[in-house]
């Protein structure tokens, strides 16, 4: 059995998740392939918890504590891309938190 990190970490995700053919992979420079995988990871993180509210996440986290980590990563990624695209968020006031 082939135990290559490239096969497991690079080629298979590009074929199954990104939908590239073997010919496309072989004709694309390695740094571009790595960039595509990073972009795909950012995309899946950015949309991983779409549609959930804080309350729903709290309810789910009662049964699975790893949900809170996924939720915080999702929120952090959303904030990053909102800042990059220039979308303004309303600053959270102390009275809103109470």
N, C-alpha and C. Protein backbone atom coordinates (compact mmCIF):
# COMPACT_ATOMS: atom_id res chain seq x y z
N UNK A 1 0.84 -1.19 0.00
CA UNK A 1 0.00 0.00 0.00
C UNK A 1 0.89 1.25 0.00
N UNK A 2 0.50 2.25 -0.75
CA UNK A 2 1.26 3.48 -0.86
C UNK A 2 1.01 4.34 0.38
N UNK A 3 2.09 4.71 1.07
CA UNK A 3 1.96 5.57 2.25
C UNK A 3 2.63 6.90 1.96
N UNK A 4 2.06 7.65 1.06
CA UNK A 4 2.62 8.94 0.67
C UNK A 4 1.75 10.06 1.24
N UNK A 5 2.38 11.01 1.94
CA UNK A 5 1.58 12.14 2.43
C UNK A 5 0.97 12.95 1.29
N UNK A 6 1.67 13.02 0.14
CA UNK A 6 1.11 13.76 -0.99
C UNK A 6 -0.18 13.13 -1.48
N UNK A 7 -0.21 11.81 -1.56
CA UNK A 7 -1.42 11.14 -2.04
C UNK A 7 -2.59 11.39 -1.10
N UNK A 8 -2.33 11.31 0.20
CA UNK A 8 -3.41 11.43 1.18
C UNK A 8 -3.80 12.89 1.41
N UNK A 9 -2.83 13.77 1.51
CA UNK A 9 -3.10 15.15 1.89
C UNK A 9 -3.30 16.11 0.71
N UNK A 10 -2.89 15.72 -0.47
CA UNK A 10 -2.96 16.63 -1.60
C UNK A 10 -3.81 16.09 -2.74
N UNK A 11 -3.44 14.95 -3.31
CA UNK A 11 -4.11 14.47 -4.51
C UNK A 11 -5.55 14.03 -4.28
N UNK A 12 -5.78 13.23 -3.28
CA UNK A 12 -7.14 12.71 -3.04
C UNK A 12 -8.12 13.84 -2.71
N UNK A 13 -7.77 14.80 -1.81
CA UNK A 13 -8.72 15.91 -1.59
C UNK A 13 -8.98 16.74 -2.84
N UNK A 14 -7.96 16.94 -3.67
CA UNK A 14 -8.17 17.71 -4.90
C UNK A 14 -9.12 16.98 -5.85
N UNK A 15 -9.01 15.67 -5.91
CA UNK A 15 -9.88 14.90 -6.80
C UNK A 15 -11.30 14.82 -6.23
N UNK A 16 -11.42 14.46 -4.94
CA UNK A 16 -12.76 14.24 -4.37
C UNK A 16 -13.48 15.52 -3.99
N UNK A 17 -12.78 16.47 -3.41
CA UNK A 17 -13.45 17.67 -2.90
C UNK A 17 -13.50 18.81 -3.92
N UNK A 18 -12.41 19.04 -4.61
CA UNK A 18 -12.34 20.15 -5.56
C UNK A 18 -12.82 19.73 -6.94
N UNK A 19 -12.72 18.45 -7.25
CA UNK A 19 -13.22 17.94 -8.53
C UNK A 19 -12.23 18.04 -9.67
N UNK A 20 -10.96 18.08 -9.36
CA UNK A 20 -9.95 18.14 -10.41
C UNK A 20 -9.67 16.74 -10.95
N UNK A 21 -9.31 16.69 -12.20
CA UNK A 21 -8.93 15.41 -12.79
C UNK A 21 -7.44 15.18 -12.55
N UNK A 22 -7.00 13.93 -12.72
CA UNK A 22 -5.59 13.60 -12.54
C UNK A 22 -4.73 14.40 -13.52
N UNK A 23 -5.21 14.58 -14.75
CA UNK A 23 -4.46 15.32 -15.76
C UNK A 23 -4.31 16.79 -15.34
N UNK A 24 -5.37 17.39 -14.81
CA UNK A 24 -5.29 18.77 -14.34
C UNK A 24 -4.31 18.92 -13.18
N UNK A 25 -4.33 17.94 -12.28
CA UNK A 25 -3.42 17.98 -11.14
C UNK A 25 -1.97 17.91 -11.61
N UNK A 26 -1.68 17.02 -12.54
CA UNK A 26 -0.31 16.86 -13.03
C UNK A 26 0.17 18.09 -13.81
N UNK A 27 -0.74 18.84 -14.42
CA UNK A 27 -0.35 20.02 -15.21
C UNK A 27 -0.34 21.31 -14.39
N UNK A 28 -0.68 21.24 -13.12
CA UNK A 28 -0.74 22.43 -12.27
C UNK A 28 0.46 22.43 -11.32
N UNK A 29 1.13 23.57 -11.19
CA UNK A 29 2.26 23.64 -10.26
C UNK A 29 1.82 23.36 -8.81
N UNK A 30 2.73 22.80 -8.04
CA UNK A 30 2.43 22.39 -6.67
C UNK A 30 1.93 23.55 -5.80
N UNK A 31 2.55 24.73 -5.92
CA UNK A 31 2.13 25.85 -5.08
C UNK A 31 0.69 26.27 -5.38
N UNK A 32 0.25 26.11 -6.63
CA UNK A 32 -1.14 26.41 -6.97
C UNK A 32 -2.08 25.35 -6.38
N UNK A 33 -1.66 24.09 -6.40
CA UNK A 33 -2.48 23.03 -5.80
C UNK A 33 -2.66 23.26 -4.31
N UNK A 34 -1.58 23.63 -3.64
CA UNK A 34 -1.66 23.92 -2.20
C UNK A 34 -2.56 25.12 -1.94
N UNK A 35 -2.47 26.12 -2.81
CA UNK A 35 -3.35 27.29 -2.68
C UNK A 35 -4.81 26.93 -2.86
N UNK A 36 -5.10 26.05 -3.81
CA UNK A 36 -6.49 25.60 -4.01
C UNK A 36 -7.02 24.87 -2.78
N UNK A 37 -6.19 24.03 -2.19
CA UNK A 37 -6.62 23.31 -0.98
C UNK A 37 -6.85 24.26 0.18
N UNK A 38 -5.97 25.25 0.34
CA UNK A 38 -6.16 26.23 1.41
C UNK A 38 -7.44 27.02 1.20
N UNK A 39 -7.69 27.42 -0.04
CA UNK A 39 -8.91 28.16 -0.35
C UNK A 39 -10.15 27.31 -0.09
N UNK A 40 -10.08 26.04 -0.45
CA UNK A 40 -11.21 25.15 -0.20
C UNK A 40 -11.47 24.99 1.30
N UNK A 41 -10.40 24.86 2.09
CA UNK A 41 -10.55 24.75 3.54
C UNK A 41 -11.19 26.02 4.11
N UNK A 42 -10.74 27.19 3.66
CA UNK A 42 -11.33 28.45 4.11
C UNK A 42 -12.81 28.53 3.74
N UNK A 43 -13.13 28.09 2.53
CA UNK A 43 -14.52 28.12 2.06
C UNK A 43 -15.40 27.22 2.92
N UNK A 44 -14.94 26.00 3.19
CA UNK A 44 -15.75 25.09 4.00
C UNK A 44 -15.89 25.59 5.42
N UNK A 45 -14.84 26.20 5.97
CA UNK A 45 -14.93 26.78 7.31
C UNK A 45 -15.90 27.95 7.32
N UNK A 46 -15.82 28.78 6.30
CA UNK A 46 -16.67 29.98 6.22
C UNK A 46 -18.15 29.63 6.14
N UNK A 47 -18.48 28.49 5.56
CA UNK A 47 -19.88 28.12 5.40
C UNK A 47 -20.29 26.91 6.23
N UNK A 48 -19.45 26.49 7.14
CA UNK A 48 -19.71 25.26 7.90
C UNK A 48 -20.88 25.38 8.86
N UNK A 49 -21.14 26.55 9.39
CA UNK A 49 -22.20 26.70 10.39
C UNK A 49 -23.25 27.72 9.94
N UNK A 50 -23.36 27.93 8.65
CA UNK A 50 -24.38 28.86 8.14
C UNK A 50 -25.77 28.41 8.58
N UNK A 51 -26.57 29.36 9.00
CA UNK A 51 -27.94 29.06 9.36
C UNK A 51 -28.16 28.76 10.84
N UNK A 52 -27.10 28.61 11.61
CA UNK A 52 -27.25 28.34 13.04
C UNK A 52 -27.18 29.64 13.83
N UNK A 53 -27.92 29.69 14.93
CA UNK A 53 -27.87 30.83 15.83
C UNK A 53 -27.05 30.46 17.06
N UNK A 54 -26.73 31.48 17.86
CA UNK A 54 -25.99 31.22 19.10
C UNK A 54 -26.73 30.24 20.00
N UNK A 55 -28.05 30.40 20.08
CA UNK A 55 -28.85 29.52 20.95
C UNK A 55 -28.80 28.07 20.45
N UNK A 56 -28.92 27.89 19.15
CA UNK A 56 -28.86 26.53 18.60
C UNK A 56 -27.49 25.89 18.85
N UNK A 57 -26.44 26.68 18.74
CA UNK A 57 -25.10 26.16 18.99
C UNK A 57 -24.95 25.79 20.45
N UNK A 58 -25.48 26.61 21.35
CA UNK A 58 -25.44 26.28 22.78
C UNK A 58 -26.16 24.96 23.06
N UNK A 59 -27.31 24.77 22.44
CA UNK A 59 -28.06 23.53 22.65
C UNK A 59 -27.29 22.32 22.10
N UNK A 60 -26.67 22.47 20.94
CA UNK A 60 -25.90 21.36 20.36
C UNK A 60 -24.64 21.08 21.18
N UNK A 61 -24.05 22.13 21.75
CA UNK A 61 -22.81 21.96 22.51
C UNK A 61 -23.04 21.22 23.82
N UNK A 62 -24.27 21.15 24.28
CA UNK A 62 -24.56 20.38 25.49
C UNK A 62 -24.29 18.90 25.27
N UNK A 63 -24.45 18.44 24.05
CA UNK A 63 -24.25 17.03 23.71
C UNK A 63 -22.88 16.76 23.11
N UNK A 64 -22.29 17.77 22.49
CA UNK A 64 -20.99 17.61 21.85
C UNK A 64 -20.18 18.89 22.05
N UNK A 65 -19.21 18.85 22.93
CA UNK A 65 -18.47 20.05 23.29
C UNK A 65 -17.56 20.56 22.16
N UNK A 66 -17.26 19.73 21.19
CA UNK A 66 -16.41 20.18 20.08
C UNK A 66 -17.12 21.21 19.19
N UNK A 67 -18.43 21.31 19.33
CA UNK A 67 -19.21 22.27 18.54
C UNK A 67 -18.76 23.70 18.84
N UNK A 68 -18.45 23.98 20.10
CA UNK A 68 -18.03 25.34 20.47
C UNK A 68 -16.76 25.75 19.74
N UNK A 69 -15.81 24.85 19.59
CA UNK A 69 -14.59 25.15 18.85
C UNK A 69 -14.87 25.42 17.39
N UNK A 70 -15.74 24.62 16.80
CA UNK A 70 -16.11 24.81 15.39
C UNK A 70 -16.83 26.15 15.21
N UNK A 71 -17.70 26.48 16.18
CA UNK A 71 -18.45 27.73 16.12
C UNK A 71 -17.50 28.93 16.21
N UNK A 72 -16.54 28.88 17.12
CA UNK A 72 -15.61 30.01 17.26
C UNK A 72 -14.73 30.15 16.02
N UNK A 73 -14.32 29.04 15.42
CA UNK A 73 -13.53 29.10 14.19
C UNK A 73 -14.37 29.69 13.05
N UNK A 74 -15.63 29.29 12.99
CA UNK A 74 -16.55 29.82 11.99
C UNK A 74 -16.72 31.33 12.17
N UNK A 75 -16.96 31.77 13.42
CA UNK A 75 -17.15 33.20 13.68
C UNK A 75 -15.89 34.00 13.35
N UNK A 76 -14.73 33.47 13.71
CA UNK A 76 -13.46 34.14 13.43
C UNK A 76 -13.24 34.28 11.93
N UNK A 77 -13.53 33.24 11.18
CA UNK A 77 -13.37 33.28 9.73
C UNK A 77 -14.34 34.27 9.10
N UNK A 78 -15.57 34.29 9.58
CA UNK A 78 -16.55 35.25 9.06
C UNK A 78 -16.10 36.69 9.32
N UNK A 79 -15.62 36.96 10.54
CA UNK A 79 -15.14 38.30 10.87
C UNK A 79 -13.97 38.70 9.95
N UNK A 80 -13.07 37.76 9.73
CA UNK A 80 -11.91 38.03 8.88
C UNK A 80 -12.35 38.44 7.48
N UNK A 81 -13.29 37.70 6.90
CA UNK A 81 -13.72 38.01 5.54
C UNK A 81 -14.64 39.23 5.49
N UNK A 82 -15.37 39.50 6.54
CA UNK A 82 -16.14 40.74 6.58
C UNK A 82 -15.20 41.94 6.61
N UNK A 83 -14.12 41.84 7.37
CA UNK A 83 -13.14 42.93 7.41
C UNK A 83 -12.44 43.07 6.06
N UNK A 84 -12.09 41.96 5.43
CA UNK A 84 -11.40 42.02 4.14
C UNK A 84 -12.28 42.61 3.04
N UNK A 85 -13.58 42.34 3.10
CA UNK A 85 -14.49 42.85 2.07
C UNK A 85 -15.05 44.23 2.40
N UNK A 86 -14.71 44.76 3.57
CA UNK A 86 -15.14 46.10 3.94
C UNK A 86 -16.54 46.17 4.50
N UNK A 87 -17.12 45.04 4.86
CA UNK A 87 -18.45 45.06 5.46
C UNK A 87 -18.33 45.57 6.89
N UNK A 88 -19.14 46.54 7.22
CA UNK A 88 -19.09 47.13 8.56
C UNK A 88 -20.03 46.39 9.49
N UNK A 89 -19.52 46.06 10.67
CA UNK A 89 -20.35 45.44 11.70
C UNK A 89 -20.70 46.50 12.72
N UNK A 90 -21.88 46.37 13.28
CA UNK A 90 -22.29 47.27 14.35
C UNK A 90 -21.48 46.90 15.59
N UNK A 91 -20.80 47.87 16.19
CA UNK A 91 -20.03 47.56 17.40
C UNK A 91 -20.95 47.07 18.51
N UNK A 92 -20.52 46.07 19.22
CA UNK A 92 -21.32 45.52 20.32
C UNK A 92 -21.18 46.44 21.51
N UNK A 93 -22.30 46.94 22.00
CA UNK A 93 -22.27 47.81 23.17
C UNK A 93 -22.45 46.95 24.43
N UNK A 94 -22.06 47.53 25.54
CA UNK A 94 -22.19 46.81 26.80
C UNK A 94 -23.66 46.54 27.13
N UNK A 95 -24.54 47.46 26.80
CA UNK A 95 -25.96 47.28 27.10
C UNK A 95 -26.55 46.14 26.25
N UNK A 96 -26.04 45.94 25.04
CA UNK A 96 -26.52 44.83 24.21
C UNK A 96 -26.11 43.49 24.79
N UNK A 97 -24.97 43.46 25.47
CA UNK A 97 -24.50 42.22 26.05
C UNK A 97 -25.30 41.81 27.27
N UNK A 98 -25.91 42.76 27.93
CA UNK A 98 -26.68 42.47 29.15
C UNK A 98 -28.07 42.14 28.82
